[in-house]
Amino acid sequence: MEEIVNKVAKSGLITFNLEEFYDETEVVEFDMKDHLFHGLILKEKDFRGFIKENDWQQYAGKHVALFCTADAIVPTWAYMLVANKLSGIAGQVFFGSKTELQQRIIHDKLNAIDVEEYRDRMVVIKGCSKFDVPIGSYVEITNKLSPVVKSIMFGEPCSTVPIYKKPRQR
């Protein structure tokens, strides 16, 4: 019998899995539209009453995506009041959508990696994930690795799409 050879293992490919940078902490949304008078304006006295009376512990340990979906002008101080109330209770408070929050968390973790580990290596950025990794995170890791790697591919080691190949030196 002929020996079965794992060509993928011998290829020297490094799999970069963005899923490992995903934060599984629950992300909840805080939409300021729910606190606008007739969906149009924020009444300071009513809003300050809400800030004082609301059960902020419901956000304990969770990440909060803070935004407003109404076409209204919400004063900056209103967002600041919410952020202040959640400080020390929520994991993170971020102005933006759930996707933007998750991308920011991944961004912060990607900033901590040492790209020198990948110098002149062939890297496969894993495509399938059990989490909904934001597309922006794939763009970010591509930008971060392109200057140092030999090549970047997307997908799985057995089936990849070429993204970048370092030009040959003459």
C-alpha atoms as a PDB file:
ATOM      1  CA  MET A   1       0.000   0.000   0.000  1.00  0.00           C
ATOM      2  CA  GLU A   2       1.084   3.526  -0.745  1.00  0.00           C
ATOM      3  CA  GLU A   3       1.575   5.822   2.259  1.00  0.00           C
ATOM      4  CA  ILE A   4      -0.923   8.657   2.536  1.00  0.00           C
ATOM      5  CA  VAL A   5       0.871  11.994   2.654  1.00  0.00           C
ATOM      6  CA  ASN A   6      -0.733  15.094   4.121  1.00  0.00           C
ATOM      7  CA  LYS A   7       0.408  17.657   1.575  1.00  0.00           C
ATOM      8  CA  VAL A   8      -1.325  20.499   3.423  1.00  0.00           C
ATOM      9  CA  ALA A   9       0.665  19.786   6.587  1.00  0.00           C
ATOM     10  CA  LYS A  10       3.915  19.669   4.584  1.00  0.00           C
ATOM     11  CA  SER A  11       3.155  22.856   2.645  1.00  0.00           C
ATOM     12  CA  GLY A  12       4.251  25.224   5.404  1.00  0.00           C
ATOM     13  CA  LEU A  13       0.911  27.036   5.356  1.00  0.00           C
ATOM     14  CA  ILE A  14      -0.061  28.911   8.497  1.00  0.00           C
ATOM     15  CA  THR A  15      -3.760  29.196   9.174  1.00  0.00           C
ATOM     16  CA  PHE A  16      -4.840  32.528  10.629  1.00  0.00           C
ATOM     17  CA  ASN A  17      -8.213  32.138  12.298  1.00  0.00           C
ATOM     18  CA  LEU A  18     -10.018  35.428  13.005  1.00  0.00           C
ATOM     19  CA  GLU A  19     -12.547  33.442  15.003  1.00  0.00           C
ATOM     20  CA  GLU A  20      -9.913  33.237  17.757  1.00  0.00           C
ATOM     21  CA  PHE A  21     -10.130  37.036  18.080  1.00  0.00           C
ATOM     22  CA  TYR A  22     -13.926  37.079  18.332  1.00  0.00           C
ATOM     23  CA  ASP A  23     -15.365  38.124  21.677  1.00  0.00           C
ATOM     24  CA  GLU A  24     -18.310  35.956  22.706  1.00  0.00           C
ATOM     25  CA  THR A  25     -19.505  38.420  25.336  1.00  0.00           C
ATOM     26  CA  GLU A  26     -23.159  39.250  24.758  1.00  0.00           C
ATOM     27  CA  VAL A  27     -23.665  42.491  22.856  1.00  0.00           C
ATOM     28  CA  VAL A  28     -26.853  44.425  23.536  1.00  0.00           C
ATOM     29  CA  GLU A  29     -28.151  47.485  21.777  1.00  0.00           C
ATOM     30  CA  PHE A  30     -29.121  50.758  23.371  1.00  0.00           C
ATOM     31  CA  ASP A  31     -31.108  52.781  20.843  1.00  0.00           C
ATOM     32  CA  MET A  32     -31.641  56.384  21.898  1.00  0.00           C
ATOM     33  CA  LYS A  33     -34.795  56.562  19.756  1.00  0.00           C
ATOM     34  CA  ASP A  34     -36.608  54.754  22.559  1.00  0.00           C
ATOM     35  CA  HIS A  35     -36.054  57.793  24.765  1.00  0.00           C
ATOM     36  CA  LEU A  36     -37.123  60.562  22.399  1.00  0.00           C
ATOM     37  CA  PHE A  37     -40.337  62.521  22.826  1.00  0.00           C
ATOM     38  CA  HIS A  38     -42.568  61.602  19.852  1.00  0.00           C
ATOM     39  CA  GLY A  39     -39.477  60.082  18.268  1.00  0.00           C
ATOM     40  CA  LEU A  40     -38.168  63.549  17.513  1.00  0.00           C
ATOM     41  CA  ILE A  41     -36.546  65.301  20.448  1.00  0.00           C
ATOM     42  CA  LEU A  42     -34.869  64.482  23.683  1.00  0.00           C
ATOM     43  CA  LYS A  43     -36.439  66.217  26.666  1.00  0.00           C
ATOM     44  CA  GLU A  44     -33.658  66.743  29.187  1.00  0.00           C
ATOM     45  CA  LYS A  45     -35.803  66.498  32.335  1.00  0.00           C
ATOM     46  CA  ASP A  46     -37.473  63.246  31.200  1.00  0.00           C
ATOM     47  CA  PHE A  47     -34.192  61.757  30.028  1.00  0.00           C
ATOM     48  CA  ARG A  48     -32.404  62.576  33.273  1.00  0.00           C
ATOM     49  CA  GLY A  49     -35.316  60.931  35.120  1.00  0.00           C
ATOM     50  CA  PHE A  50     -34.839  57.810  32.998  1.00  0.00           C
ATOM     51  CA  ILE A  51     -31.088  57.850  33.670  1.00  0.00           C
ATOM     52  CA  LYS A  52     -31.743  58.039  37.412  1.00  0.00           C
ATOM     53  CA  GLU A  53     -34.493  55.385  37.562  1.00  0.00           C
ATOM     54  CA  ASN A  54     -33.369  52.803  34.969  1.00  0.00           C
ATOM     55  CA  ASP A  55     -32.047  49.414  36.126  1.00  0.00           C
ATOM     56  CA  TRP A  56     -28.526  49.623  34.703  1.00  0.00           C
ATOM     57  CA  GLN A  57     -27.559  46.249  36.192  1.00  0.00           C
ATOM     58  CA  GLN A  58     -29.325  44.546  33.266  1.00  0.00           C
ATOM     59  CA  TYR A  59     -26.191  45.463  31.260  1.00  0.00           C
ATOM     60  CA  ALA A  60     -23.755  43.928  33.742  1.00  0.00           C
ATOM     61  CA  GLY A  61     -20.836  42.267  31.963  1.00  0.00           C
ATOM     62  CA  LYS A  62     -22.362  42.815  28.523  1.00  0.00           C
ATOM     63  CA  HIS A  63     -21.002  44.956  25.724  1.00  0.00           C
ATOM     64  CA  VAL A  64     -23.336  47.813  24.784  1.00  0.00           C
ATOM     65  CA  ALA A  65     -23.710  49.203  21.265  1.00  0.00           C
ATOM     66  CA  LEU A  66     -25.042  52.738  21.724  1.00  0.00           C
ATOM     67  CA  PHE A  67     -26.696  54.527  18.793  1.00  0.00           C
ATOM     68  CA  CYS A  68     -29.850  56.242  17.543  1.00  0.00           C
ATOM     69  CA  THR A  69     -31.886  54.919  14.618  1.00  0.00           C
ATOM     70  CA  ALA A  70     -34.305  57.860  14.577  1.00  0.00           C
ATOM     71  CA  ASP A  71     -33.706  60.762  12.252  1.00  0.00           C
ATOM     72  CA  ALA A  72     -33.335  63.133  15.169  1.00  0.00           C
ATOM     73  CA  ILE A  73     -30.689  65.344  16.648  1.00  0.00           C
ATOM     74  CA  VAL A  74     -29.599  63.840  19.934  1.00  0.00           C
ATOM     75  CA  PRO A  75     -27.298  66.011  22.027  1.00  0.00           C
ATOM     76  CA  THR A  76     -23.851  64.605  22.641  1.00  0.00           C
ATOM     77  CA  TRP A  77     -24.275  64.892  26.409  1.00  0.00           C
ATOM     78  CA  ALA A  78     -27.133  62.338  26.277  1.00  0.00           C
ATOM     79  CA  TYR A  79     -24.789  59.653  24.934  1.00  0.00           C
ATOM     80  CA  MET A  80     -22.253  60.689  27.542  1.00  0.00           C
ATOM     81  CA  LEU A  81     -24.804  60.246  30.353  1.00  0.00           C
ATOM     82  CA  VAL A  82     -25.599  56.706  29.188  1.00  0.00           C
ATOM     83  CA  ALA A  83     -21.902  55.847  28.841  1.00  0.00           C
ATOM     84  CA  ASN A  84     -21.248  57.213  32.325  1.00  0.00           C
ATOM     85  CA  LYS A  85     -24.051  55.147  33.863  1.00  0.00           C
ATOM     86  CA  LEU A  86     -22.744  52.004  32.169  1.00  0.00           C
ATOM     87  CA  SER A  87     -19.144  52.621  33.201  1.00  0.00           C
ATOM     88  CA  GLY A  88     -18.058  49.926  35.612  1.00  0.00           C
ATOM     89  CA  ILE A  89     -21.173  47.865  34.847  1.00  0.00           C
ATOM     90  CA  ALA A  90     -20.993  46.974  31.147  1.00  0.00           C
ATOM     91  CA  GLY A  91     -17.994  45.253  29.580  1.00  0.00           C
ATOM     92  CA  GLN A  92     -17.578  47.911  26.902  1.00  0.00           C
ATOM     93  CA  VAL A  93     -19.747  50.787  25.747  1.00  0.00           C
ATOM     94  CA  PHE A  94     -19.289  51.707  22.116  1.00  0.00           C
ATOM     95  CA  PHE A  95     -20.973  54.302  19.926  1.00  0.00           C
ATOM     96  CA  GLY A  96     -22.091  52.370  16.869  1.00  0.00           C
ATOM     97  CA  SER A  97     -23.757  49.150  15.752  1.00  0.00           C
ATOM     98  CA  LYS A  98     -23.213  45.640  17.099  1.00  0.00           C
ATOM     99  CA  THR A  99     -21.078  44.822  14.062  1.00  0.00           C
ATOM    100  CA  GLU A 100     -18.953  47.939  14.530  1.00  0.00           C
ATOM    101  CA  LEU A 101     -18.478  47.071  18.202  1.00  0.00           C
ATOM    102  CA  GLN A 102     -17.355  43.527  17.422  1.00  0.00           C
ATOM    103  CA  GLN A 103     -15.033  44.832  14.702  1.00  0.00           C
ATOM    104  CA  ARG A 104     -13.507  47.291  17.187  1.00  0.00           C
ATOM    105  CA  ILE A 105     -12.868  44.505  19.700  1.00  0.00           C
ATOM    106  CA  ILE A 106     -11.192  42.375  17.030  1.00  0.00           C
ATOM    107  CA  HIS A 107      -9.234  45.438  15.841  1.00  0.00           C
ATOM    108  CA  ASP A 108      -7.838  45.998  19.321  1.00  0.00           C
ATOM    109  CA  LYS A 109      -6.752  42.350  19.537  1.00  0.00           C
ATOM    110  CA  LEU A 110      -5.213  42.398  16.047  1.00  0.00           C
ATOM    111  CA  ASN A 111      -3.151  45.442  17.015  1.00  0.00           C
ATOM    112  CA  ALA A 112      -1.481  43.302  19.671  1.00  0.00           C
ATOM    113  CA  ILE A 113      -0.189  40.598  17.297  1.00  0.00           C
ATOM    114  CA  ASP A 114       3.440  40.500  16.231  1.00  0.00           C
ATOM    115  CA  VAL A 115       3.415  40.376  12.423  1.00  0.00           C
ATOM    116  CA  GLU A 116       7.053  39.253  12.444  1.00  0.00           C
ATOM    117  CA  GLU A 117       5.788  35.734  13.249  1.00  0.00           C
ATOM    118  CA  TYR A 118       4.388  35.714   9.721  1.00  0.00           C
ATOM    119  CA  ARG A 119       7.371  37.195   7.858  1.00  0.00           C
ATOM    120  CA  ASP A 120       7.930  35.419   4.524  1.00  0.00           C
ATOM    121  CA  ARG A 121       5.321  32.786   5.398  1.00  0.00           C
ATOM    122  CA  MET A 122       2.342  31.551   3.413  1.00  0.00           C
ATOM    123  CA  VAL A 123      -0.819  32.422   5.340  1.00  0.00           C
ATOM    124  CA  VAL A 124      -4.349  31.171   4.873  1.00  0.00           C
ATOM    125  CA  ILE A 125      -6.935  33.414   6.483  1.00  0.00           C
ATOM    126  CA  LYS A 126      -9.609  30.963   7.521  1.00  0.00           C
ATOM    127  CA  GLY A 127     -12.945  31.701   5.915  1.00  0.00           C
ATOM    128  CA  CYS A 128     -15.481  29.513   7.680  1.00  0.00           C
ATOM    129  CA  SER A 129     -16.399  30.482  11.200  1.00  0.00           C
ATOM    130  CA  LYS A 130     -19.040  29.631  13.746  1.00  0.00           C
ATOM    131  CA  PHE A 131     -19.173  33.380  14.527  1.00  0.00           C
ATOM    132  CA  ASP A 132     -20.192  36.241  12.290  1.00  0.00           C
ATOM    133  CA  VAL A 133     -16.751  37.829  12.001  1.00  0.00           C
ATOM    134  CA  PRO A 134     -17.154  41.317  10.477  1.00  0.00           C
ATOM    135  CA  ILE A 135     -15.815  41.664   6.930  1.00  0.00           C
ATOM    136  CA  GLY A 136     -13.829  44.697   8.042  1.00  0.00           C
ATOM    137  CA  SER A 137     -11.730  42.392  10.227  1.00  0.00           C
ATOM    138  CA  TYR A 138     -10.713  40.382   7.135  1.00  0.00           C
ATOM    139  CA  VAL A 139      -9.732  43.609   5.389  1.00  0.00           C
ATOM    140  CA  GLU A 140      -7.749  44.711   8.431  1.00  0.00           C
ATOM    141  CA  ILE A 141      -5.743  41.494   8.788  1.00  0.00           C
ATOM    142  CA  THR A 142      -5.022  41.533   5.041  1.00  0.00           C
ATOM    143  CA  ASN A 143      -3.632  45.076   5.339  1.00  0.00           C
ATOM    144  CA  LYS A 144      -1.611  44.133   8.411  1.00  0.00           C
ATOM    145  CA  LEU A 145      -0.039  40.979   6.955  1.00  0.00           C
ATOM    146  CA  SER A 146       0.509  41.995   3.309  1.00  0.00           C
ATOM    147  CA  PRO A 147       3.744  43.915   3.935  1.00  0.00           C
ATOM    148  CA  VAL A 148       5.452  40.937   5.608  1.00  0.00           C
ATOM    149  CA  VAL A 149       4.078  37.645   4.283  1.00  0.00           C
ATOM    150  CA  LYS A 150       5.069  35.617   1.223  1.00  0.00           C
ATOM    151  CA  SER A 151       1.422  35.038   0.339  1.00  0.00           C
ATOM    152  CA  ILE A 152      -2.110  35.379   1.631  1.00  0.00           C
ATOM    153  CA  MET A 153      -4.929  33.039   0.737  1.00  0.00           C
ATOM    154  CA  PHE A 154      -8.521  32.940   1.907  1.00  0.00           C
ATOM    155  CA  GLY A 155     -10.546  29.858   2.760  1.00  0.00           C
ATOM    156  CA  GLU A 156      -9.392  26.512   4.050  1.00  0.00           C
ATOM    157  CA  PRO A 157      -5.933  24.991   3.399  1.00  0.00           C
ATOM    158  CA  CYS A 158      -7.494  22.398   1.077  1.00  0.00           C
ATOM    159  CA  SER A 159      -9.417  24.997  -0.957  1.00  0.00           C
ATOM    160  CA  THR A 160      -8.107  28.545  -1.045  1.00  0.00           C
ATOM    161  CA  VAL A 161      -8.576  31.735  -3.020  1.00  0.00           C
ATOM    162  CA  PRO A 162      -5.312  33.590  -3.661  1.00  0.00           C
ATOM    163  CA  ILE A 163      -5.346  37.141  -2.295  1.00  0.00           C
ATOM    164  CA  TYR A 164      -1.731  38.302  -2.352  1.00  0.00           C
ATOM    165  CA  LYS A 165       1.627  37.001  -3.501  1.00  0.00           C
ATOM    166  CA  LYS A 166       4.861  38.822  -2.761  1.00  0.00           C
ATOM    167  CA  PRO A 167       6.633  39.831  -5.968  1.00  0.00           C
ATOM    168  CA  ARG A 168       9.850  37.953  -6.641  1.00  0.00           C
ATOM    169  CA  GLN A 169      13.071  39.819  -5.957  1.00  0.00           C
ATOM    170  CA  ARG A 170      15.499  40.026  -8.879  1.00  0.00           C
END
